[in-house]
C-alpha atoms as a PDB file:
ATOM      1  CA  UNK A   1      82.874  34.383  -3.756  1.00  0.00           C
ATOM      2  CA  UNK A   2      82.884  34.262  -7.596  1.00  0.00           C
ATOM      3  CA  UNK A   3      80.476  32.104  -9.574  1.00  0.00           C
ATOM      4  CA  UNK A   4      81.865  28.790 -10.786  1.00  0.00           C
ATOM      5  CA  UNK A   5      80.595  26.901 -13.829  1.00  0.00           C
ATOM      6  CA  UNK A   6      79.321  23.389 -13.253  1.00  0.00           C
ATOM      7  CA  UNK A   7      81.144  20.594 -15.069  1.00  0.00           C
ATOM      8  CA  UNK A   8      80.471  16.875 -15.143  1.00  0.00           C
ATOM      9  CA  UNK A   9      82.774  16.254 -12.214  1.00  0.00           C
ATOM     10  CA  UNK A  10      80.475  18.388 -10.072  1.00  0.00           C
ATOM     11  CA  UNK A  11      77.169  16.695 -10.866  1.00  0.00           C
ATOM     12  CA  UNK A  12      77.095  14.516  -7.753  1.00  0.00           C
ATOM     13  CA  UNK A  13      78.038  17.402  -5.449  1.00  0.00           C
ATOM     14  CA  UNK A  14      75.310  19.658  -6.849  1.00  0.00           C
ATOM     15  CA  UNK A  15      72.696  16.898  -6.688  1.00  0.00           C
ATOM     16  CA  UNK A  16      73.586  16.300  -3.036  1.00  0.00           C
ATOM     17  CA  UNK A  17      73.336  20.033  -2.338  1.00  0.00           C
ATOM     18  CA  UNK A  18      69.883  20.262  -3.956  1.00  0.00           C
ATOM     19  CA  UNK A  19      68.660  17.230  -2.009  1.00  0.00           C
ATOM     20  CA  UNK A  20      69.729  18.998   1.197  1.00  0.00           C
ATOM     21  CA  UNK A  21      67.647  22.020   0.191  1.00  0.00           C
ATOM     22  CA  UNK A  22      64.589  20.387  -1.370  1.00  0.00           C
ATOM     23  CA  UNK A  23      64.527  16.988   0.300  1.00  0.00           C
ATOM     24  CA  UNK A  24      64.997  13.427  -0.986  1.00  0.00           C
ATOM     25  CA  UNK A  25      61.781  13.314  -3.002  1.00  0.00           C
ATOM     26  CA  UNK A  26      62.564  16.362  -5.089  1.00  0.00           C
ATOM     27  CA  UNK A  27      62.456  15.448  -8.829  1.00  0.00           C
ATOM     28  CA  UNK A  28      65.873  17.005  -9.361  1.00  0.00           C
ATOM     29  CA  UNK A  29      67.238  13.571  -8.307  1.00  0.00           C
ATOM     30  CA  UNK A  30      67.798  12.696 -11.929  1.00  0.00           C
ATOM     31  CA  UNK A  31      70.534  10.986 -13.864  1.00  0.00           C
ATOM     32  CA  UNK A  32      73.890  12.329 -14.950  1.00  0.00           C
ATOM     33  CA  UNK A  33      72.617  11.992 -18.523  1.00  0.00           C
ATOM     34  CA  UNK A  34      69.909  14.538 -17.712  1.00  0.00           C
ATOM     35  CA  UNK A  35      72.315  16.929 -15.992  1.00  0.00           C
ATOM     36  CA  UNK A  36      74.642  16.654 -18.976  1.00  0.00           C
ATOM     37  CA  UNK A  37      71.785  17.578 -21.345  1.00  0.00           C
ATOM     38  CA  UNK A  38      70.611  20.405 -19.114  1.00  0.00           C
ATOM     39  CA  UNK A  39      73.936  21.991 -18.205  1.00  0.00           C
ATOM     40  CA  UNK A  40      77.002  20.924 -20.158  1.00  0.00           C
ATOM     41  CA  UNK A  41      76.045  19.649 -23.623  1.00  0.00           C
ATOM     42  CA  UNK A  42      76.254  22.286 -26.377  1.00  0.00           C
ATOM     43  CA  UNK A  43      73.171  24.490 -26.552  1.00  0.00           C
ATOM     44  CA  UNK A  44      72.118  26.462 -29.638  1.00  0.00           C
ATOM     45  CA  UNK A  45      71.897  29.697 -27.603  1.00  0.00           C
ATOM     46  CA  UNK A  46      74.729  29.240 -25.074  1.00  0.00           C
ATOM     47  CA  UNK A  47      78.355  28.275 -25.556  1.00  0.00           C
ATOM     48  CA  UNK A  48      79.391  27.300 -22.001  1.00  0.00           C
ATOM     49  CA  UNK A  49      77.944  25.457 -19.008  1.00  0.00           C
ATOM     50  CA  UNK A  50      74.459  26.518 -17.887  1.00  0.00           C
ATOM     51  CA  UNK A  51      75.087  25.501 -14.251  1.00  0.00           C
ATOM     52  CA  UNK A  52      76.336  28.138 -11.787  1.00  0.00           C
ATOM     53  CA  UNK A  53      77.811  27.528  -8.322  1.00  0.00           C
ATOM     54  CA  UNK A  54      78.787  29.855  -5.485  1.00  0.00           C
ATOM     55  CA  UNK A  55      81.070  28.548  -2.782  1.00  0.00           C
ATOM     56  CA  UNK A  56      82.267  29.705   0.588  1.00  0.00           C
ATOM     57  CA  UNK A  57      85.379  27.986   1.903  1.00  0.00           C
ATOM     58  CA  UNK A  58      84.996  25.271  -0.759  1.00  0.00           C
ATOM     59  CA  UNK A  59      81.421  24.502   0.274  1.00  0.00           C
ATOM     60  CA  UNK A  60      78.519  25.112  -2.123  1.00  0.00           C
ATOM     61  CA  UNK A  61      76.288  27.822  -0.686  1.00  0.00           C
ATOM     62  CA  UNK A  62      74.165  28.589  -3.769  1.00  0.00           C
ATOM     63  CA  UNK A  63      73.347  26.969  -7.078  1.00  0.00           C
ATOM     64  CA  UNK A  64      71.221  27.765 -10.158  1.00  0.00           C
ATOM     65  CA  UNK A  65      70.765  26.462 -13.704  1.00  0.00           C
ATOM     66  CA  UNK A  66      69.988  28.642 -16.705  1.00  0.00           C
ATOM     67  CA  UNK A  67      67.581  27.950 -19.553  1.00  0.00           C
ATOM     68  CA  UNK A  68      68.844  30.311 -22.288  1.00  0.00           C
ATOM     69  CA  UNK A  69      66.234  32.287 -24.232  1.00  0.00           C
ATOM     70  CA  UNK A  70      66.410  34.793 -27.061  1.00  0.00           C
ATOM     71  CA  UNK A  71      63.253  36.853 -27.512  1.00  0.00           C
ATOM     72  CA  UNK A  72      62.311  38.071 -30.978  1.00  0.00           C
ATOM     73  CA  UNK A  73      61.104  41.659 -30.581  1.00  0.00           C
ATOM     74  CA  UNK A  74      60.060  44.163 -33.267  1.00  0.00           C
ATOM     75  CA  UNK A  75      63.391  45.915 -32.619  1.00  0.00           C
ATOM     76  CA  UNK A  76      65.591  42.837 -32.917  1.00  0.00           C
ATOM     77  CA  UNK A  77      66.545  39.782 -30.814  1.00  0.00           C
ATOM     78  CA  UNK A  78      67.046  40.172 -27.057  1.00  0.00           C
ATOM     79  CA  UNK A  79      69.026  37.637 -25.028  1.00  0.00           C
ATOM     80  CA  UNK A  80      67.397  36.447 -21.836  1.00  0.00           C
ATOM     81  CA  UNK A  81      66.926  33.303 -19.785  1.00  0.00           C
ATOM     82  CA  UNK A  82      64.984  31.498 -17.111  1.00  0.00           C
ATOM     83  CA  UNK A  83      66.739  30.626 -13.844  1.00  0.00           C
ATOM     84  CA  UNK A  84      65.777  27.197 -12.437  1.00  0.00           C
ATOM     85  CA  UNK A  85      67.049  25.007  -9.575  1.00  0.00           C
ATOM     86  CA  UNK A  86      67.719  28.246  -7.692  1.00  0.00           C
ATOM     87  CA  UNK A  87      68.740  27.295  -4.172  1.00  0.00           C
ATOM     88  CA  UNK A  88      70.894  28.693  -1.367  1.00  0.00           C
ATOM     89  CA  UNK A  89      71.866  27.687   2.134  1.00  0.00           C
ATOM     90  CA  UNK A  90      70.169  29.518   4.957  1.00  0.00           C
ATOM     91  CA  UNK A  91      72.567  31.452   7.123  1.00  0.00           C
ATOM     92  CA  UNK A  92      74.640  32.757   4.179  1.00  0.00           C
ATOM     93  CA  UNK A  93      72.960  36.137   3.562  1.00  0.00           C
ATOM     94  CA  UNK A  94      72.699  37.167  -0.078  1.00  0.00           C
ATOM     95  CA  UNK A  95      74.428  34.116  -1.591  1.00  0.00           C
ATOM     96  CA  UNK A  96      71.445  33.159  -3.746  1.00  0.00           C
ATOM     97  CA  UNK A  97      70.643  36.745  -4.724  1.00  0.00           C
ATOM     98  CA  UNK A  98      74.223  37.438  -5.807  1.00  0.00           C
ATOM     99  CA  UNK A  99      74.216  34.318  -7.946  1.00  0.00           C
ATOM    100  CA  UNK A 100      70.903  35.320  -9.533  1.00  0.00           C
ATOM    101  CA  UNK A 101      72.242  38.777 -10.311  1.00  0.00           C
ATOM    102  CA  UNK A 102      75.424  37.283 -11.753  1.00  0.00           C
ATOM    103  CA  UNK A 103      73.386  35.195 -14.191  1.00  0.00           C
ATOM    104  CA  UNK A 104      71.292  38.228 -15.109  1.00  0.00           C
ATOM    105  CA  UNK A 105      74.475  40.166 -15.857  1.00  0.00           C
ATOM    106  CA  UNK A 106      75.381  37.489 -18.411  1.00  0.00           C
ATOM    107  CA  UNK A 107      71.961  37.243 -20.065  1.00  0.00           C
ATOM    108  CA  UNK A 108      70.813  40.862 -19.861  1.00  0.00           C
ATOM    109  CA  UNK A 109      67.418  39.868 -18.453  1.00  0.00           C
ATOM    110  CA  UNK A 110      65.868  36.882 -16.707  1.00  0.00           C
ATOM    111  CA  UNK A 111      62.314  35.697 -16.247  1.00  0.00           C
ATOM    112  CA  UNK A 112      60.868  33.742 -13.360  1.00  0.00           C
ATOM    113  CA  UNK A 113      57.730  31.637 -13.719  1.00  0.00           C
ATOM    114  CA  UNK A 114      55.843  30.530 -10.647  1.00  0.00           C
ATOM    115  CA  UNK A 115      58.234  29.201  -8.035  1.00  0.00           C
ATOM    116  CA  UNK A 116      57.883  28.827  -4.294  1.00  0.00           C
ATOM    117  CA  UNK A 117      56.213  31.419  -2.090  1.00  0.00           C
ATOM    118  CA  UNK A 118      59.665  32.457  -0.876  1.00  0.00           C
ATOM    119  CA  UNK A 119      60.905  32.924  -4.458  1.00  0.00           C
ATOM    120  CA  UNK A 120      57.888  35.073  -5.335  1.00  0.00           C
ATOM    121  CA  UNK A 121      58.662  37.241  -2.310  1.00  0.00           C
ATOM    122  CA  UNK A 122      62.386  37.597  -3.064  1.00  0.00           C
ATOM    123  CA  UNK A 123      62.206  38.473  -6.775  1.00  0.00           C
ATOM    124  CA  UNK A 124      60.486  41.869  -6.326  1.00  0.00           C
ATOM    125  CA  UNK A 125      63.034  42.801  -3.667  1.00  0.00           C
ATOM    126  CA  UNK A 126      65.885  42.407  -6.155  1.00  0.00           C
ATOM    127  CA  UNK A 127      64.203  44.461  -8.843  1.00  0.00           C
ATOM    128  CA  UNK A 128      62.132  41.900 -10.745  1.00  0.00           C
ATOM    129  CA  UNK A 129      58.751  43.227 -11.824  1.00  0.00           C
ATOM    130  CA  UNK A 130      55.544  41.266 -12.155  1.00  0.00           C
ATOM    131  CA  UNK A 131      55.268  41.225 -15.946  1.00  0.00           C
ATOM    132  CA  UNK A 132      52.163  39.115 -16.622  1.00  0.00           C
ATOM    133  CA  UNK A 133      50.589  35.730 -15.968  1.00  0.00           C
ATOM    134  CA  UNK A 134      50.905  32.423 -17.772  1.00  0.00           C
ATOM    135  CA  UNK A 135      48.091  29.873 -17.816  1.00  0.00           C
ATOM    136  CA  UNK A 136      48.308  26.094 -17.374  1.00  0.00           C
ATOM    137  CA  UNK A 137      45.540  24.038 -18.988  1.00  0.00           C
ATOM    138  CA  UNK A 138      44.734  20.441 -18.029  1.00  0.00           C
ATOM    139  CA  UNK A 139      42.438  17.832 -19.535  1.00  0.00           C
ATOM    140  CA  UNK A 140      41.855  14.690 -17.439  1.00  0.00           C
ATOM    141  CA  UNK A 141      41.485  11.781 -19.872  1.00  0.00           C
ATOM    142  CA  UNK A 142      41.132   8.752 -17.561  1.00  0.00           C
ATOM    143  CA  UNK A 143      39.486  10.121 -14.401  1.00  0.00           C
ATOM    144  CA  UNK A 144      38.515   6.764 -12.856  1.00  0.00           C
ATOM    145  CA  UNK A 145      42.065   5.438 -13.078  1.00  0.00           C
ATOM    146  CA  UNK A 146      43.425   8.731 -11.734  1.00  0.00           C
ATOM    147  CA  UNK A 147      40.958   8.618  -8.843  1.00  0.00           C
ATOM    148  CA  UNK A 148      41.970   5.073  -7.917  1.00  0.00           C
ATOM    149  CA  UNK A 149      45.645   6.036  -7.937  1.00  0.00           C
ATOM    150  CA  UNK A 150      45.141   9.353  -6.116  1.00  0.00           C
ATOM    151  CA  UNK A 151      44.632  10.172  -2.469  1.00  0.00           C
ATOM    152  CA  UNK A 152      41.410   9.065  -0.807  1.00  0.00           C
ATOM    153  CA  UNK A 153      39.834  11.707   1.423  1.00  0.00           C
ATOM    154  CA  UNK A 154      36.449  13.360   1.792  1.00  0.00           C
ATOM    155  CA  UNK A 155      37.040  15.433  -1.374  1.00  0.00           C
ATOM    156  CA  UNK A 156      37.646  12.305  -3.496  1.00  0.00           C
ATOM    157  CA  UNK A 157      34.062  12.107  -4.953  1.00  0.00           C
ATOM    158  CA  UNK A 158      34.072  15.824  -5.811  1.00  0.00           C
ATOM    159  CA  UNK A 159      37.421  15.542  -7.583  1.00  0.00           C
ATOM    160  CA  UNK A 160      36.189  12.556  -9.581  1.00  0.00           C
ATOM    161  CA  UNK A 161      33.006  14.356 -10.650  1.00  0.00           C
ATOM    162  CA  UNK A 162      34.987  17.441 -11.624  1.00  0.00           C
ATOM    163  CA  UNK A 163      37.463  15.419 -13.683  1.00  0.00           C
ATOM    164  CA  UNK A 164      34.634  13.466 -15.328  1.00  0.00           C
ATOM    165  CA  UNK A 165      33.102  16.725 -16.469  1.00  0.00           C
ATOM    166  CA  UNK A 166      36.369  17.840 -18.100  1.00  0.00           C
ATOM    167  CA  UNK A 167      37.051  14.382 -19.592  1.00  0.00           C
ATOM    168  CA  UNK A 168      33.603  14.140 -21.151  1.00  0.00           C
ATOM    169  CA  UNK A 169      33.847  17.543 -22.808  1.00  0.00           C
ATOM    170  CA  UNK A 170      34.541  16.784 -26.509  1.00  0.00           C
ATOM    171  CA  UNK A 171      37.639  18.171 -28.162  1.00  0.00           C
ATOM    172  CA  UNK A 172      37.024  20.576 -31.047  1.00  0.00           C
ATOM    173  CA  UNK A 173      37.018  19.087 -34.514  1.00  0.00           C
ATOM    174  CA  UNK A 174      40.243  19.001 -36.506  1.00  0.00           C
ATOM    175  CA  UNK A 175      40.046  19.869 -40.222  1.00  0.00           C
ATOM    176  CA  UNK A 176      39.883  16.538 -42.108  1.00  0.00           C
ATOM    177  CA  UNK A 177      42.971  17.346 -44.180  1.00  0.00           C
ATOM    178  CA  UNK A 178      45.129  18.104 -41.124  1.00  0.00           C
ATOM    179  CA  UNK A 179      47.500  15.347 -40.001  1.00  0.00           C
ATOM    180  CA  UNK A 180      50.152  14.991 -37.299  1.00  0.00           C
ATOM    181  CA  UNK A 181      53.273  13.513 -38.894  1.00  0.00           C
ATOM    182  CA  UNK A 182      55.784  12.096 -36.412  1.00  0.00           C
ATOM    183  CA  UNK A 183      59.424  13.052 -37.003  1.00  0.00           C
ATOM    184  CA  UNK A 184      62.527  11.845 -35.178  1.00  0.00           C
ATOM    185  CA  UNK A 185      64.295  15.126 -35.978  1.00  0.00           C
ATOM    186  CA  UNK A 186      63.298  18.465 -37.462  1.00  0.00           C
ATOM    187  CA  UNK A 187      65.016  19.679 -40.622  1.00  0.00           C
ATOM    188  CA  UNK A 188      65.690  23.323 -41.450  1.00  0.00           C
ATOM    189  CA  UNK A 189      62.530  23.843 -43.509  1.00  0.00           C
ATOM    190  CA  UNK A 190      60.784  25.640 -40.599  1.00  0.00           C
ATOM    191  CA  UNK A 191      63.663  27.949 -39.745  1.00  0.00           C
ATOM    192  CA  UNK A 192      62.761  30.884 -41.981  1.00  0.00           C
ATOM    193  CA  UNK A 193      59.154  31.049 -40.757  1.00  0.00           C
ATOM    194  CA  UNK A 194      60.147  30.676 -37.112  1.00  0.00           C
ATOM    195  CA  UNK A 195      62.685  33.511 -37.348  1.00  0.00           C
ATOM    196  CA  UNK A 196      59.908  36.078 -37.944  1.00  0.00           C
ATOM    197  CA  UNK A 197      58.695  38.021 -34.868  1.00  0.00           C
ATOM    198  CA  UNK A 198      55.017  37.613 -33.990  1.00  0.00           C
ATOM    199  CA  UNK A 199      52.748  40.633 -34.519  1.00  0.00           C
ATOM    200  CA  UNK A 200      50.883  40.318 -31.210  1.00  0.00           C
ATOM    201  CA  UNK A 201      53.472  38.958 -28.765  1.00  0.00           C
ATOM    202  CA  UNK A 202      57.179  38.465 -28.087  1.00  0.00           C
ATOM    203  CA  UNK A 203      58.119  34.821 -28.588  1.00  0.00           C
ATOM    204  CA  UNK A 204      61.465  33.287 -27.738  1.00  0.00           C
ATOM    205  CA  UNK A 205      63.550  32.069 -30.656  1.00  0.00           C
ATOM    206  CA  UNK A 206      62.750  28.765 -32.300  1.00  0.00           C
ATOM    207  CA  UNK A 207      64.548  26.790 -34.987  1.00  0.00           C
ATOM    208  CA  UNK A 208      65.460  23.245 -35.955  1.00  0.00           C
ATOM    209  CA  UNK A 209      68.541  23.235 -33.704  1.00  0.00           C
ATOM    210  CA  UNK A 210      66.500  24.167 -30.616  1.00  0.00           C
ATOM    211  CA  UNK A 211      63.642  21.825 -31.479  1.00  0.00           C
ATOM    212  CA  UNK A 212      66.073  18.936 -31.828  1.00  0.00           C
ATOM    213  CA  UNK A 213      67.818  19.882 -28.569  1.00  0.00           C
ATOM    214  CA  UNK A 214      64.458  19.656 -26.755  1.00  0.00           C
ATOM    215  CA  UNK A 215      63.690  16.341 -28.451  1.00  0.00           C
ATOM    216  CA  UNK A 216      66.862  14.926 -26.877  1.00  0.00           C
ATOM    217  CA  UNK A 217      65.708  15.669 -23.295  1.00  0.00           C
ATOM    218  CA  UNK A 218      66.288  12.384 -21.402  1.00  0.00           C
ATOM    219  CA  UNK A 219      63.961  13.222 -18.498  1.00  0.00           C
ATOM    220  CA  UNK A 220      60.764  12.747 -20.514  1.00  0.00           C
ATOM    221  CA  UNK A 221      59.511  10.718 -23.451  1.00  0.00           C
ATOM    222  CA  UNK A 222      59.661  13.320 -26.202  1.00  0.00           C
ATOM    223  CA  UNK A 223      57.763  13.382 -29.480  1.00  0.00           C
ATOM    224  CA  UNK A 224      58.097  15.702 -32.474  1.00  0.00           C
ATOM    225  CA  UNK A 225      55.284  16.240 -34.972  1.00  0.00           C
ATOM    226  CA  UNK A 226      54.752  18.308 -38.093  1.00  0.00           C
ATOM    227  CA  UNK A 227      51.236  19.590 -38.711  1.00  0.00           C
ATOM    228  CA  UNK A 228      50.594  18.780 -42.365  1.00  0.00           C
ATOM    229  CA  UNK A 229      47.739  19.922 -44.579  1.00  0.00           C
ATOM    230  CA  UNK A 230      47.398  18.557 -48.122  1.00  0.00           C
ATOM    231  CA  UNK A 231      51.133  17.862 -48.325  1.00  0.00           C
ATOM    232  CA  UNK A 232      52.175  21.232 -46.872  1.00  0.00           C
ATOM    233  CA  UNK A 233      53.738  21.875 -43.453  1.00  0.00           C
ATOM    234  CA  UNK A 234      51.674  24.474 -41.597  1.00  0.00           C
ATOM    235  CA  UNK A 235      53.028  24.017 -38.072  1.00  0.00           C
ATOM    236  CA  UNK A 236      54.531  21.644 -35.512  1.00  0.00           C
ATOM    237  CA  UNK A 237      54.203  20.558 -31.919  1.00  0.00           C
ATOM    238  CA  UNK A 238      56.331  18.776 -29.322  1.00  0.00           C
ATOM    239  CA  UNK A 239      54.988  16.373 -26.715  1.00  0.00           C
ATOM    240  CA  UNK A 240      56.717  15.371 -23.495  1.00  0.00           C
ATOM    241  CA  UNK A 241      55.478  12.512 -21.344  1.00  0.00           C
ATOM    242  CA  UNK A 242      56.352  11.697 -17.748  1.00  0.00           C
ATOM    243  CA  UNK A 243      54.522   9.072 -15.660  1.00  0.00           C
ATOM    244  CA  UNK A 244      50.739   9.582 -16.015  1.00  0.00           C
ATOM    245  CA  UNK A 245      51.040  13.010 -17.666  1.00  0.00           C
ATOM    246  CA  UNK A 246      51.572  14.118 -21.245  1.00  0.00           C
ATOM    247  CA  UNK A 247      52.326  17.723 -22.101  1.00  0.00           C
ATOM    248  CA  UNK A 248      52.123  19.811 -25.226  1.00  0.00           C
ATOM    249  CA  UNK A 249      55.619  21.186 -24.667  1.00  0.00           C
ATOM    250  CA  UNK A 250      55.662  23.540 -27.648  1.00  0.00           C
ATOM    251  CA  UNK A 251      53.410  24.338 -30.577  1.00  0.00           C
ATOM    252  CA  UNK A 252      53.277  26.679 -33.544  1.00  0.00           C
ATOM    253  CA  UNK A 253      50.891  27.152 -36.434  1.00  0.00           C
ATOM    254  CA  UNK A 254      51.647  29.327 -39.437  1.00  0.00           C
ATOM    255  CA  UNK A 255      48.367  31.278 -39.550  1.00  0.00           C
ATOM    256  CA  UNK A 256      48.001  32.494 -36.002  1.00  0.00           C
ATOM    257  CA  UNK A 257      44.249  33.026 -35.895  1.00  0.00           C
ATOM    258  CA  UNK A 258      42.364  31.700 -32.895  1.00  0.00           C
ATOM    259  CA  UNK A 259      40.667  29.071 -35.069  1.00  0.00           C
ATOM    260  CA  UNK A 260      44.045  27.829 -36.339  1.00  0.00           C
ATOM    261  CA  UNK A 261      45.387  27.602 -32.792  1.00  0.00           C
ATOM    262  CA  UNK A 262      42.229  25.782 -31.706  1.00  0.00           C
ATOM    263  CA  UNK A 263      42.617  23.163 -34.443  1.00  0.00           C
ATOM    264  CA  UNK A 264      46.355  22.764 -33.755  1.00  0.00           C
ATOM    265  CA  UNK A 265      45.812  22.246 -30.017  1.00  0.00           C
ATOM    266  CA  UNK A 266      42.961  19.815 -30.616  1.00  0.00           C
ATOM    267  CA  UNK A 267      45.208  17.766 -32.920  1.00  0.00           C
ATOM    268  CA  UNK A 268      48.051  17.884 -30.380  1.00  0.00           C
ATOM    269  CA  UNK A 269      45.824  16.860 -27.444  1.00  0.00           C
ATOM    270  CA  UNK A 270      44.472  13.914 -29.441  1.00  0.00           C
ATOM    271  CA  UNK A 271      47.993  12.839 -30.407  1.00  0.00           C
ATOM    272  CA  UNK A 272      49.324  13.094 -26.845  1.00  0.00           C
ATOM    273  CA  UNK A 273      46.578  10.923 -25.333  1.00  0.00           C
ATOM    274  CA  UNK A 274      48.435   7.607 -25.184  1.00  0.00           C
ATOM    275  CA  UNK A 275      47.274   4.533 -23.240  1.00  0.00           C
ATOM    276  CA  UNK A 276      49.345   5.303 -20.120  1.00  0.00           C
ATOM    277  CA  UNK A 277      48.311   8.966 -19.883  1.00  0.00           C
ATOM    278  CA  UNK A 278      45.868  10.157 -17.207  1.00  0.00           C
ATOM    279  CA  UNK A 279      46.156  13.885 -17.893  1.00  0.00           C
ATOM    280  CA  UNK A 280      47.189  16.012 -20.877  1.00  0.00           C
ATOM    281  CA  UNK A 281      48.293  19.557 -20.140  1.00  0.00           C
ATOM    282  CA  UNK A 282      50.004  22.566 -21.618  1.00  0.00           C
ATOM    283  CA  UNK A 283      50.890  26.138 -20.723  1.00  0.00           C
ATOM    284  CA  UNK A 284      50.916  29.420 -22.613  1.00  0.00           C
ATOM    285  CA  UNK A 285      50.685  33.174 -22.403  1.00  0.00           C
ATOM    286  CA  UNK A 286      50.324  33.735 -26.157  1.00  0.00           C
ATOM    287  CA  UNK A 287      47.068  35.729 -26.562  1.00  0.00           C
ATOM    288  CA  UNK A 288      45.556  33.771 -29.479  1.00  0.00           C
ATOM    289  CA  UNK A 289      46.718  30.408 -28.114  1.00  0.00           C
ATOM    290  CA  UNK A 290      45.226  31.215 -24.710  1.00  0.00           C
ATOM    291  CA  UNK A 291      41.915  32.257 -26.271  1.00  0.00           C
ATOM    292  CA  UNK A 292      41.814  28.983 -28.220  1.00  0.00           C
ATOM    293  CA  UNK A 293      42.527  26.900 -25.111  1.00  0.00           C
ATOM    294  CA  UNK A 294      39.847  28.783 -23.169  1.00  0.00           C
ATOM    295  CA  UNK A 295      37.371  27.665 -25.838  1.00  0.00           C
ATOM    296  CA  UNK A 296      38.330  24.006 -25.280  1.00  0.00           C
ATOM    297  CA  UNK A 297      36.783  23.870 -21.808  1.00  0.00           C
ATOM    298  CA  UNK A 298      39.929  22.791 -19.967  1.00  0.00           C
ATOM    299  CA  UNK A 299      40.818  23.106 -16.302  1.00  0.00           C
ATOM    300  CA  UNK A 300      43.021  26.167 -15.922  1.00  0.00           C
ATOM    301  CA  UNK A 301      45.259  27.872 -13.368  1.00  0.00           C
ATOM    302  CA  UNK A 302      47.451  30.955 -13.562  1.00  0.00           C
ATOM    303  CA  UNK A 303      51.045  31.570 -12.506  1.00  0.00           C
ATOM    304  CA  UNK A 304      52.910  34.828 -12.148  1.00  0.00           C
ATOM    305  CA  UNK A 305      55.747  35.757 -14.509  1.00  0.00           C
ATOM    306  CA  UNK A 306      58.461  38.026 -13.111  1.00  0.00           C
ATOM    307  CA  UNK A 307      60.998  39.851 -15.260  1.00  0.00           C
ATOM    308  CA  UNK A 308      64.345  41.329 -14.206  1.00  0.00           C
ATOM    309  CA  UNK A 309      65.274  43.569 -17.146  1.00  0.00           C
ATOM    310  CA  UNK A 310      67.412  46.527 -15.967  1.00  0.00           C
ATOM    311  CA  UNK A 311      67.963  47.889 -19.483  1.00  0.00           C
ATOM    312  CA  UNK A 312      64.258  47.666 -20.449  1.00  0.00           C
ATOM    313  CA  UNK A 313      65.198  45.674 -23.555  1.00  0.00           C
ATOM    314  CA  UNK A 314      61.871  43.820 -23.741  1.00  0.00           C
ATOM    315  CA  UNK A 315      59.046  46.157 -24.870  1.00  0.00           C
ATOM    316  CA  UNK A 316      56.259  46.431 -22.327  1.00  0.00           C
ATOM    317  CA  UNK A 317      53.450  46.961 -24.878  1.00  0.00           C
ATOM    318  CA  UNK A 318      53.594  43.320 -26.047  1.00  0.00           C
ATOM    319  CA  UNK A 319      53.147  40.206 -23.861  1.00  0.00           C
ATOM    320  CA  UNK A 320      55.804  37.518 -23.670  1.00  0.00           C
ATOM    321  CA  UNK A 321      54.516  34.430 -25.507  1.00  0.00           C
ATOM    322  CA  UNK A 322      55.712  31.646 -23.212  1.00  0.00           C
ATOM    323  CA  UNK A 323      55.317  27.897 -23.680  1.00  0.00           C
ATOM    324  CA  UNK A 324      56.446  24.915 -21.525  1.00  0.00           C
ATOM    325  CA  UNK A 325      59.841  24.583 -23.270  1.00  0.00           C
ATOM    326  CA  UNK A 326      60.661  28.111 -22.068  1.00  0.00           C
ATOM    327  CA  UNK A 327      61.036  26.774 -18.525  1.00  0.00           C
ATOM    328  CA  UNK A 328      61.583  23.427 -16.819  1.00  0.00           C
ATOM    329  CA  UNK A 329      57.957  22.380 -16.394  1.00  0.00           C
ATOM    330  CA  UNK A 330      57.849  20.214 -19.490  1.00  0.00           C
ATOM    331  CA  UNK A 331      60.166  17.553 -18.082  1.00  0.00           C
ATOM    332  CA  UNK A 332      59.503  17.576 -14.336  1.00  0.00           C
END
């Protein structure tokens, strides 16, 4: 039962399989254009399809997609990835696990962020260790509209009051000379800075090719911005918007002090708050970025990060600096 690479001819079959597993309302019911972007279009870090199928007697019994990652460690780059859309038929023992291990054999290591209760139970059994947590931060920006559109139960007034408290908390000031400059594509001017490992964390590789690949995601309304100060580029951020929610999908600032991160996030949150947005959110495990976001008074929740790394290629003394583009949360 060898793994088969997904091609465009298999999109409909895989989508049907995932609907059988997750149900008709699962957001994986997306267009072929999205599946092409996610699995078969060229990727800066992967040269073949990122969709993997296992069959038994011609029937799909397990499927998973790969988000390729390359972590920049003090000892050199380390290939890795994040497995998403991981699903298997019940009654076929081990089909999903074997597919997961096959992908890990290709990448060297894989991370898992959050996931279902069943996924969080399975990963430790196949050797994945709980590496750390990653924190999601949310800022309600139009709580009355969100309350009217949300469910009405006995907790409705409490939710509204809670969201009003977060919405009324002022964002930190942005230095007057800082501006967010919209770009349709990123040029190579950031590449040299982004190729340098961080001193306090292990970040996955960034560069103009990857930034532009993310900008082309058809499942969300994407925006690219340079952070400019007195004519100089000092950082960037990506936004991704789906109905009612805008996300800071990725962000970087050249001087990684907590104050610099705080100003960069404040600028990004202000930029992402468009007229149709009810909530702005982001996610990170970068130490300085997380400290800055904690100072912004946002609603927060933590998720577990598992790591399957048989060769111990990723040093344990530094945290993994994860952002929404490192998994599939920025477009779902």
